[in-house]
PDB file of N, CA and C in Angstrom:
ATOM      1  N   MET A   1     152.700-178.133 159.119  1.00  0.00           N
ATOM      2  CA  MET A   1     153.337-176.907 158.697  1.00  0.00           C
ATOM      3  C   MET A   1     154.733-176.771 159.291  1.00  0.00           C
ATOM      4  N   ALA A   2     154.877-177.215 160.521  1.00  0.00           N
ATOM      5  CA  ALA A   2     156.195-177.141 161.155  1.00  0.00           C
ATOM      6  C   ALA A   2     157.207-177.975 160.387  1.00  0.00           C
ATOM      7  N   LEU A   3     156.761-179.098 159.829  1.00  0.00           N
ATOM      8  CA  LEU A   3     157.672-179.927 159.047  1.00  0.00           C
ATOM      9  C   LEU A   3     158.127-179.207 157.784  1.00  0.00           C
ATOM     10  N   LEU A   4     157.236-178.410 157.167  1.00  0.00           N
ATOM     11  CA  LEU A   4     157.637-177.628 155.996  1.00  0.00           C
ATOM     12  C   LEU A   4     158.705-176.611 156.368  1.00  0.00           C
ATOM     13  N   CYS A   5     158.576-176.032 157.550  1.00  0.00           N
ATOM     14  CA  CYS A   5     159.570-175.057 157.997  1.00  0.00           C
ATOM     15  C   CYS A   5     160.926-175.713 158.170  1.00  0.00           C
ATOM     16  N   ILE A   6     160.930-176.922 158.670  1.00  0.00           N
ATOM     17  CA  ILE A   6     162.190-177.644 158.857  1.00  0.00           C
ATOM     18  C   ILE A   6     162.759-178.046 157.502  1.00  0.00           C
ATOM     19  N   GLU A   7     161.922-178.623 156.643  1.00  0.00           N
ATOM     20  CA  GLU A   7     162.398-179.123 155.355  1.00  0.00           C
ATOM     21  C   GLU A   7     162.889-178.000 154.447  1.00  0.00           C
ATOM     22  N   TYR A   8     162.146-176.929 154.357  1.00  0.00           N
ATOM     23  CA  TYR A   8     162.509-175.839 153.467  1.00  0.00           C
ATOM     24  C   TYR A   8     163.399-174.798 154.132  1.00  0.00           C
ATOM     25  N   LYS A   9     163.616-174.920 155.417  1.00  0.00           N
ATOM     26  CA  LYS A   9     164.476-174.010 156.180  1.00  0.00           C
ATOM     27  C   LYS A   9     164.051-172.556 155.975  1.00  0.00           C
ATOM     28  N   VAL A  10     162.750-172.311 156.048  1.00  0.00           N
ATOM     29  CA  VAL A  10     162.218-170.977 155.838  1.00  0.00           C
ATOM     30  C   VAL A  10     162.279-170.167 157.128  1.00  0.00           C
ATOM     31  N   VAL A  11     161.756-170.705 158.186  1.00  0.00           N
ATOM     32  CA  VAL A  11     161.836-170.085 159.509  1.00  0.00           C
ATOM     33  C   VAL A  11     162.176-171.174 160.507  1.00  0.00           C
ATOM     34  N   SER A  12     162.697-170.772 161.640  1.00  0.00           N
ATOM     35  CA  SER A  12     163.025-171.766 162.662  1.00  0.00           C
ATOM     36  C   SER A  12     161.742-172.302 163.278  1.00  0.00           C
ATOM     37  N   VAL A  13     161.813-173.500 163.787  1.00  0.00           N
ATOM     38  CA  VAL A  13     160.649-174.109 164.423  1.00  0.00           C
ATOM     39  C   VAL A  13     160.251-173.302 165.655  1.00  0.00           C
ATOM     40  N   GLN A  14     161.223-172.807 166.390  1.00  0.00           N
ATOM     41  CA  GLN A  14     160.931-172.007 167.578  1.00  0.00           C
ATOM     42  C   GLN A  14     160.145-170.754 167.193  1.00  0.00           C
ATOM     43  N   TYR A  15     160.564-170.074 166.135  1.00  0.00           N
ATOM     44  CA  TYR A  15     159.844-168.892 165.681  1.00  0.00           C
ATOM     45  C   TYR A  15     158.433-169.268 165.234  1.00  0.00           C
ATOM     46  N   PHE A  16     158.332-170.375 164.487  1.00  0.00           N
ATOM     47  CA  PHE A  16     157.028-170.817 163.982  1.00  0.00           C
ATOM     48  C   PHE A  16     156.068-171.125 165.117  1.00  0.00           C
ATOM     49  N   MET A  17     156.558-171.806 166.162  1.00  0.00           N
ATOM     50  CA  MET A  17     155.685-172.248 167.258  1.00  0.00           C
ATOM     51  C   MET A  17     155.384-171.142 168.259  1.00  0.00           C
ATOM     52  N   ASP A  18     156.341-170.272 168.534  1.00  0.00           N
ATOM     53  CA  ASP A  18     156.179-169.328 169.642  1.00  0.00           C
ATOM     54  C   ASP A  18     155.923-167.888 169.234  1.00  0.00           C
ATOM     55  N   VAL A  19     156.479-167.448 168.119  1.00  0.00           N
ATOM     56  CA  VAL A  19     156.473-166.033 167.790  1.00  0.00           C
ATOM     57  C   VAL A  19     155.572-165.698 166.603  1.00  0.00           C
ATOM     58  N   MET A  20     155.519-166.574 165.622  1.00  0.00           N
ATOM     59  CA  MET A  20     154.856-166.266 164.360  1.00  0.00           C
ATOM     60  C   MET A  20     153.381-165.929 164.548  1.00  0.00           C
ATOM     61  N   GLN A  21     152.933-164.914 163.799  1.00  0.00           N
ATOM     62  CA  GLN A  21     151.542-164.472 163.830  1.00  0.00           C
ATOM     63  C   GLN A  21     150.779-165.134 162.675  1.00  0.00           C
ATOM     64  N   PRO A  22     149.471-165.310 162.808  1.00  0.00           N
ATOM     65  CA  PRO A  22     148.695-165.974 161.749  1.00  0.00           C
ATOM     66  C   PRO A  22     148.808-165.313 160.373  1.00  0.00           C
ATOM     67  N   PHE A  23     148.903-163.991 160.315  1.00  0.00           N
ATOM     68  CA  PHE A  23     148.978-163.323 159.011  1.00  0.00           C
ATOM     69  C   PHE A  23     150.275-163.649 158.274  1.00  0.00           C
ATOM     70  N   GLU A  24     151.298-164.098 158.990  1.00  0.00           N
ATOM     71  CA  GLU A  24     152.574-164.420 158.355  1.00  0.00           C
ATOM     72  C   GLU A  24     152.527-165.732 157.579  1.00  0.00           C
ATOM     73  N   LEU A  25     151.540-166.564 157.876  1.00  0.00           N
ATOM     74  CA  LEU A  25     151.453-167.873 157.246  1.00  0.00           C
ATOM     75  C   LEU A  25     151.255-167.766 155.739  1.00  0.00           C
ATOM     76  N   ASN A  26     150.375-166.875 155.285  1.00  0.00           N
ATOM     77  CA  ASN A  26     150.168-166.706 153.841  1.00  0.00           C
ATOM     78  C   ASN A  26     151.439-166.237 153.148  1.00  0.00           C
ATOM     79  N   ILE A  27     152.142-165.313 153.758  1.00  0.00           N
ATOM     80  CA  ILE A  27     153.393-164.811 153.187  1.00  0.00           C
ATOM     81  C   ILE A  27     154.407-165.944 153.092  1.00  0.00           C
ATOM     82  N   LEU A  28     154.463-166.746 154.132  1.00  0.00           N
ATOM     83  CA  LEU A  28     155.378-167.880 154.167  1.00  0.00           C
ATOM     84  C   LEU A  28     155.069-168.867 153.055  1.00  0.00           C
ATOM     85  N   LEU A  29     153.805-169.212 152.894  1.00  0.00           N
ATOM     86  CA  LEU A  29     153.420-170.186 151.876  1.00  0.00           C
ATOM     87  C   LEU A  29     153.624-169.655 150.461  1.00  0.00           C
ATOM     88  N   GLU A  30     153.359-168.362 150.246  1.00  0.00           N
ATOM     89  CA  GLU A  30     153.533-167.779 148.917  1.00  0.00           C
ATOM     90  C   GLU A  30     154.995-167.757 148.487  1.00  0.00           C
ATOM     91  N   ASN A  31     155.905-167.617 149.425  1.00  0.00           N
ATOM     92  CA  ASN A  31     157.320-167.452 149.096  1.00  0.00           C
ATOM     93  C   ASN A  31     158.166-168.676 149.408  1.00  0.00           C
ATOM     94  N   MET A  32     157.537-169.782 149.743  1.00  0.00           N
ATOM     95  CA  MET A  32     158.295-170.968 150.117  1.00  0.00           C
ATOM     96  C   MET A  32     159.143-171.497 148.965  1.00  0.00           C
ATOM     97  N   SER A  33     158.659-171.353 147.739  1.00  0.00           N
ATOM     98  CA  SER A  33     159.416-171.885 146.601  1.00  0.00           C
ATOM     99  C   SER A  33     160.742-171.163 146.408  1.00  0.00           C
ATOM    100  N   LYS A  34     160.839-169.925 146.871  1.00  0.00           N
ATOM    101  CA  LYS A  34     162.081-169.171 146.716  1.00  0.00           C
ATOM    102  C   LYS A  34     163.221-169.774 147.525  1.00  0.00           C
ATOM    103  N   SER A  35     162.886-170.475 148.602  1.00  0.00           N
ATOM    104  CA  SER A  35     163.943-171.047 149.432  1.00  0.00           C
ATOM    105  C   SER A  35     164.619-172.242 148.771  1.00  0.00           C
ATOM    106  N   VAL A  36     163.958-172.859 147.814  1.00  0.00           N
ATOM    107  CA  VAL A  36     164.549-174.012 147.122  1.00  0.00           C
ATOM    108  C   VAL A  36     164.802-173.731 145.646  1.00  0.00           C
ATOM    109  N   LYS A  37     164.764-172.455 145.265  1.00  0.00           N
ATOM    110  CA  LYS A  37     164.927-172.080 143.865  1.00  0.00           C
ATOM    111  C   LYS A  37     166.264-172.537 143.301  1.00  0.00           C
ATOM    112  N   SER A  38     167.334-172.375 144.061  1.00  0.00           N
ATOM    113  CA  SER A  38     168.650-172.776 143.551  1.00  0.00           C
ATOM    114  C   SER A  38     168.736-174.291 143.341  1.00  0.00           C
ATOM    115  N   ASP A  39     168.070-175.055 144.199  1.00  0.00           N
ATOM    116  CA  ASP A  39     168.058-176.509 144.018  1.00  0.00           C
ATOM    117  C   ASP A  39     167.343-176.898 142.722  1.00  0.00           C
ATOM    118  N   TRP A  40     166.209-176.257 142.459  1.00  0.00           N
ATOM    119  CA  TRP A  40     165.479-176.540 141.229  1.00  0.00           C
ATOM    120  C   TRP A  40     166.260-176.092 140.002  1.00  0.00           C
ATOM    121  N   GLU A  41     166.932-174.954 140.092  1.00  0.00           N
ATOM    122  CA  GLU A  41     167.736-174.485 138.964  1.00  0.00           C
ATOM    123  C   GLU A  41     168.896-175.439 138.687  1.00  0.00           C
ATOM    124  N   ARG A  42     169.495-175.965 139.739  1.00  0.00           N
ATOM    125  CA  ARG A  42     170.586-176.930 139.581  1.00  0.00           C
ATOM    126  C   ARG A  42     170.067-178.199 138.903  1.00  0.00           C
ATOM    127  N   ALA A  43     168.903-178.685 139.334  1.00  0.00           N
ATOM    128  CA  ALA A  43     168.323-179.885 138.727  1.00  0.00           C
ATOM    129  C   ALA A  43     167.999-179.647 137.258  1.00  0.00           C
ATOM    130  N   ARG A  44     167.472-178.463 136.954  1.00  0.00           N
ATOM    131  CA  ARG A  44     167.151-178.145 135.563  1.00  0.00           C
ATOM    132  C   ARG A  44     168.411-178.088 134.714  1.00  0.00           C
ATOM    133  N   GLN A  45     169.486-177.528 135.249  1.00  0.00           N
ATOM    134  CA  GLN A  45     170.734-177.429 134.494  1.00  0.00           C
ATOM    135  C   GLN A  45     171.303-178.816 134.198  1.00  0.00           C
ATOM    136  N   ILE A  46     171.213-179.714 135.146  1.00  0.00           N
ATOM    137  CA  ILE A  46     171.678-181.091 134.924  1.00  0.00           C
ATOM    138  C   ILE A  46     170.843-181.768 133.840  1.00  0.00           C
ATOM    139  N   CYS A  47     169.506-181.621 133.945  1.00  0.00           N
ATOM    140  CA  CYS A  47     168.624-182.209 132.925  1.00  0.00           C
ATOM    141  C   CYS A  47     168.886-181.605 131.551  1.00  0.00           C
ATOM    142  N   TYR A  48     169.090-180.301 131.524  1.00  0.00           N
ATOM    143  CA  TYR A  48     169.358-179.602 130.264  1.00  0.00           C
ATOM    144  C   TYR A  48     170.651-180.118 129.633  1.00  0.00           C
ATOM    145  N   THR A  49     171.695-180.254 130.426  1.00  0.00           N
ATOM    146  CA  THR A  49     172.988-180.716 129.906  1.00  0.00           C
ATOM    147  C   THR A  49     172.872-182.111 129.314  1.00  0.00           C
ATOM    148  N   ILE A  50     172.207-182.997 130.033  1.00  0.00           N
ATOM    149  CA  ILE A  50     172.042-184.371 129.542  1.00  0.00           C
ATOM    150  C   ILE A  50     171.212-184.398 128.262  1.00  0.00           C
ATOM    151  N   THR A  51     170.139-183.614 128.238  1.00  0.00           N
ATOM    152  CA  THR A  51     169.265-183.592 127.068  1.00  0.00           C
ATOM    153  C   THR A  51     169.936-182.953 125.869  1.00  0.00           C
ATOM    154  N   GLN A  52     170.667-181.859 126.088  1.00  0.00           N
ATOM    155  CA  GLN A  52     171.305-181.147 124.979  1.00  0.00           C
ATOM    156  C   GLN A  52     172.382-182.001 124.313  1.00  0.00           C
ATOM    157  N   VAL A  53     173.112-182.760 125.086  1.00  0.00           N
ATOM    158  CA  VAL A  53     174.150-183.630 124.537  1.00  0.00           C
ATOM    159  C   VAL A  53     173.540-184.685 123.617  1.00  0.00           C
ATOM    160  N   ASN A  54     172.332-185.119 123.931  1.00  0.00           N
ATOM    161  CA  ASN A  54     171.686-186.176 123.157  1.00  0.00           C
ATOM    162  C   ASN A  54     170.678-185.643 122.138  1.00  0.00           C
ATOM    163  N   SER A  55     170.682-184.347 121.888  1.00  0.00           N
ATOM    164  CA  SER A  55     169.727-183.760 120.957  1.00  0.00           C
ATOM    165  C   SER A  55     170.467-183.081 119.800  1.00  0.00           C
ATOM    166  N   LYS A  56     169.839-183.100 118.627  1.00  0.00           N
ATOM    167  CA  LYS A  56     170.441-182.449 117.460  1.00  0.00           C
ATOM    168  C   LYS A  56     170.021-180.998 117.349  1.00  0.00           C
ATOM    169  N   LYS A  57     168.916-180.619 117.985  1.00  0.00           N
ATOM    170  CA  LYS A  57     168.501-179.219 117.897  1.00  0.00           C
ATOM    171  C   LYS A  57     168.905-178.469 119.158  1.00  0.00           C
ATOM    172  N   HIS A  58     169.039-177.160 118.993  1.00  0.00           N
ATOM    173  CA  HIS A  58     169.458-176.320 120.112  1.00  0.00           C
ATOM    174  C   HIS A  58     168.284-176.130 121.074  1.00  0.00           C
ATOM    175  N   LEU A  59     168.512-176.397 122.337  1.00  0.00           N
ATOM    176  CA  LEU A  59     167.475-176.277 123.363  1.00  0.00           C
ATOM    177  C   LEU A  59     167.824-175.171 124.349  1.00  0.00           C
ATOM    178  N   LYS A  60     166.814-174.715 125.028  1.00  0.00           N
ATOM    179  CA  LYS A  60     167.003-173.797 126.146  1.00  0.00           C
ATOM    180  C   LYS A  60     166.650-174.570 127.420  1.00  0.00           C
ATOM    181  N   PRO A  61     167.209-174.175 128.551  1.00  0.00           N
ATOM    182  CA  PRO A  61     166.858-174.874 129.796  1.00  0.00           C
ATOM    183  C   PRO A  61     165.349-174.892 130.063  1.00  0.00           C
ATOM    184  N   SER A  62     164.649-173.835 129.670  1.00  0.00           N
ATOM    185  CA  SER A  62     163.205-173.809 129.894  1.00  0.00           C
ATOM    186  C   SER A  62     162.456-174.770 128.964  1.00  0.00           C
ATOM    187  N   ASP A  63     163.087-175.213 127.876  1.00  0.00           N
ATOM    188  CA  ASP A  63     162.471-176.223 127.015  1.00  0.00           C
ATOM    189  C   ASP A  63     162.471-177.587 127.700  1.00  0.00           C
ATOM    190  N   VAL A  64     163.458-177.821 128.525  1.00  0.00           N
ATOM    191  CA  VAL A  64     163.603-179.111 129.189  1.00  0.00           C
ATOM    192  C   VAL A  64     162.723-179.198 130.435  1.00  0.00           C
ATOM    193  N   MET A  65     162.727-178.136 131.218  1.00  0.00           N
ATOM    194  CA  MET A  65     161.968-178.132 132.462  1.00  0.00           C
ATOM    195  C   MET A  65     161.461-176.715 132.726  1.00  0.00           C
ATOM    196  N   LYS A  66     160.151-176.566 132.747  1.00  0.00           N
ATOM    197  CA  LYS A  66     159.564-175.254 133.038  1.00  0.00           C
ATOM    198  C   LYS A  66     159.369-175.132 134.546  1.00  0.00           C
ATOM    199  N   LEU A  67     159.745-173.976 135.062  1.00  0.00           N
ATOM    200  CA  LEU A  67     159.599-173.703 136.486  1.00  0.00           C
ATOM    201  C   LEU A  67     158.682-172.497 136.665  1.00  0.00           C
ATOM    202  N   PRO A  68     158.018-172.407 137.801  1.00  0.00           N
ATOM    203  CA  PRO A  68     157.018-171.347 137.998  1.00  0.00           C
ATOM    204  C   PRO A  68     157.550-169.933 137.812  1.00  0.00           C
ATOM    205  N   TRP A  69     158.802-169.691 138.095  1.00  0.00           N
ATOM    206  CA  TRP A  69     159.332-168.332 138.012  1.00  0.00           C
ATOM    207  C   TRP A  69     159.868-167.990 136.626  1.00  0.00           C
ATOM    208  N   ASP A  70     159.776-168.895 135.667  1.00  0.00           N
ATOM    209  CA  ASP A  70     160.234-168.605 134.310  1.00  0.00           C
ATOM    210  C   ASP A  70     159.411-167.506 133.655  1.00  0.00           C
ATOM    211  N   ASN A  71     158.139-167.464 133.923  1.00  0.00           N
ATOM    212  CA  ASN A  71     157.252-166.493 133.276  1.00  0.00           C
ATOM    213  C   ASN A  71     157.034-165.249 134.115  1.00  0.00           C
ATOM    214  N   ASP A  72     157.764-165.109 135.206  1.00  0.00           N
ATOM    215  CA  ASP A  72     157.621-163.915 136.039  1.00  0.00           C
ATOM    216  C   ASP A  72     158.106-162.700 135.271  1.00  0.00           C
ATOM    217  N   THR A  73     157.287-161.710 135.232  1.00  0.00           N
ATOM    218  CA  THR A  73     157.689-160.438 134.653  1.00  0.00           C
ATOM    219  C   THR A  73     157.709-159.420 135.773  1.00  0.00           C
ATOM    220  N   LYS A  74     158.383-158.361 135.537  1.00  0.00           N
ATOM    221  CA  LYS A  74     158.433-157.309 136.554  1.00  0.00           C
ATOM    222  C   LYS A  74     157.025-156.783 136.784  1.00  0.00           C
ATOM    223  N   LYS A  75     156.567-156.915 138.003  1.00  0.00           N
ATOM    224  CA  LYS A  75     155.241-156.429 138.332  1.00  0.00           C
ATOM    225  C   LYS A  75     155.302-154.928 138.583  1.00  0.00           C
ATOM    226  N   ALA A  76     154.267-154.255 138.154  1.00  0.00           N
ATOM    227  CA  ALA A  76     154.201-152.808 138.358  1.00  0.00           C
ATOM    228  C   ALA A  76     154.064-152.524 139.843  1.00  0.00           C
ATOM    229  N   LYS A  77     154.759-151.486 140.273  1.00  0.00           N
ATOM    230  CA  LYS A  77     154.668-151.106 141.673  1.00  0.00           C
ATOM    231  C   LYS A  77     153.276-150.565 141.953  1.00  0.00           C
ATOM    232  N   LYS A  78     152.733-151.015 143.056  1.00  0.00           N
ATOM    233  CA  LYS A  78     151.425-150.523 143.453  1.00  0.00           C
ATOM    234  C   LYS A  78     151.618-149.235 144.230  1.00  0.00           C
ATOM    235  N   ASN A  79     150.634-148.372 144.136  1.00  0.00           N
ATOM    236  CA  ASN A  79     150.687-147.146 144.914  1.00  0.00           C
ATOM    237  C   ASN A  79     150.536-147.491 146.386  1.00  0.00           C
ATOM    238  N   VAL A  80     151.441-146.985 147.177  1.00  0.00           N
ATOM    239  CA  VAL A  80     151.435-147.264 148.606  1.00  0.00           C
ATOM    240  C   VAL A  80     150.737-146.119 149.325  1.00  0.00           C
ATOM    241  N   ASP A  81     149.761-146.478 150.127  1.00  0.00           N
ATOM    242  CA  ASP A  81     149.052-145.492 150.918  1.00  0.00           C
ATOM    243  C   ASP A  81     149.904-145.191 152.153  1.00  0.00           C
ATOM    244  N   THR A  82     150.580-144.047 152.155  1.00  0.00           N
ATOM    245  CA  THR A  82     151.509-143.730 153.244  1.00  0.00           C
ATOM    246  C   THR A  82     150.790-143.551 154.575  1.00  0.00           C
ATOM    247  N   ASP A  83     149.551-143.066 154.542  1.00  0.00           N
ATOM    248  CA  ASP A  83     148.800-142.920 155.796  1.00  0.00           C
ATOM    249  C   ASP A  83     148.553-144.284 156.428  1.00  0.00           C
ATOM    250  N   ALA A  84     148.126-145.236 155.608  1.00  0.00           N
ATOM    251  CA  ALA A  84     147.874-146.586 156.121  1.00  0.00           C
ATOM    252  C   ALA A  84     149.173-147.215 156.613  1.00  0.00           C
ATOM    253  N   LEU A  85     150.258-146.969 155.903  1.00  0.00           N
ATOM    254  CA  LEU A  85     151.551-147.503 156.304  1.00  0.00           C
ATOM    255  C   LEU A  85     151.995-146.931 157.641  1.00  0.00           C
ATOM    256  N   ASN A  86     151.803-145.634 157.829  1.00  0.00           N
ATOM    257  CA  ASN A  86     152.153-145.002 159.105  1.00  0.00           C
ATOM    258  C   ASN A  86     151.292-145.524 160.252  1.00  0.00           C
ATOM    259  N   LYS A  87     150.002-145.747 159.982  1.00  0.00           N
ATOM    260  CA  LYS A  87     149.115-146.302 161.009  1.00  0.00           C
ATOM    261  C   LYS A  87     149.557-147.707 161.415  1.00  0.00           C
ATOM    262  N   LEU A  88     149.936-148.512 160.419  1.00  0.00           N
ATOM    263  CA  LEU A  88     150.417-149.867 160.720  1.00  0.00           C
ATOM    264  C   LEU A  88     151.718-149.830 161.518  1.00  0.00           C
ATOM    265  N   ALA A  89     152.601-148.909 161.172  1.00  0.00           N
ATOM    266  CA  ALA A  89     153.861-148.790 161.904  1.00  0.00           C
ATOM    267  C   ALA A  89     153.602-148.392 163.349  1.00  0.00           C
ATOM    268  N   ALA A  90     152.668-147.468 163.562  1.00  0.00           N
ATOM    269  CA  ALA A  90     152.326-147.052 164.924  1.00  0.00           C
ATOM    270  C   ALA A  90     151.715-148.211 165.703  1.00  0.00           C
ATOM    271  N   ARG A  91     150.885-148.980 165.031  1.00  0.00           N
ATOM    272  CA  ARG A  91     150.276-150.154 165.685  1.00  0.00           C
ATOM    273  C   ARG A  91     151.324-151.185 166.093  1.00  0.00           C
ATOM    274  N   MET A  92     152.294-151.406 165.217  1.00  0.00           N
ATOM    275  CA  MET A  92     153.374-152.360 165.516  1.00  0.00           C
ATOM    276  C   MET A  92     154.180-151.908 166.734  1.00  0.00           C
ATOM    277  N   LYS A  93     154.436-150.577 166.823  1.00  0.00           N
ATOM    278  CA  LYS A  93     155.176-150.064 167.967  1.00  0.00           C
ATOM    279  C   LYS A  93     154.395-150.288 169.256  1.00  0.00           C
ATOM    280  N   GLU A  94     153.081-150.107 169.196  1.00  0.00           N
ATOM    281  CA  GLU A  94     152.248-150.338 170.373  1.00  0.00           C
ATOM    282  C   GLU A  94     152.257-151.797 170.788  1.00  0.00           C
ATOM    283  N   MET A  95     152.251-152.687 169.805  1.00  0.00           N
ATOM    284  CA  MET A  95     152.235-154.126 170.091  1.00  0.00           C
ATOM    285  C   MET A  95     153.560-154.577 170.702  1.00  0.00           C
ATOM    286  N   ASN A  96     154.655-153.935 170.335  1.00  0.00           N
ATOM    287  CA  ASN A  96     155.975-154.345 170.826  1.00  0.00           C
ATOM    288  C   ASN A  96     156.285-153.804 172.215  1.00  0.00           C
ATOM    289  N   LYS A  97     155.437-152.927 172.756  1.00  0.00           N
ATOM    290  CA  LYS A  97     155.689-152.376 174.096  1.00  0.00           C
ATOM    291  C   LYS A  97     155.407-153.381 175.167  1.00  0.00           C
TER     292      LYS A  97
END
C-alpha cells in the first residue's frame, strides 16, 4: 500500500506510516483514480486524435477509450444527520487533545 501512495502521490509515506487511521484506507482506495485522472484524459486525447485522423466517421473521445468517470452522474445529496455530525466533531476534538 505504501508503494501505491508513492506511485499515485496520494498521501506522503510519512503520513501513511505514522499518522493515517485505518478508516482512511477505504477513502484513499476509492478516490485513488482521481489522482491520475489528468494522465488518463491526456492518453485518451492522444488516442482519440490518432484514431480520428484515420477514421471516416466522426468519433467522440469516449468512443475510443471509456474511462470509469465517463458515466458519473451527479449523485443526489444524502440527508446529513447534524446530531451525528456534531457528535463526531466532538469526538475528533477529544482525540486531538
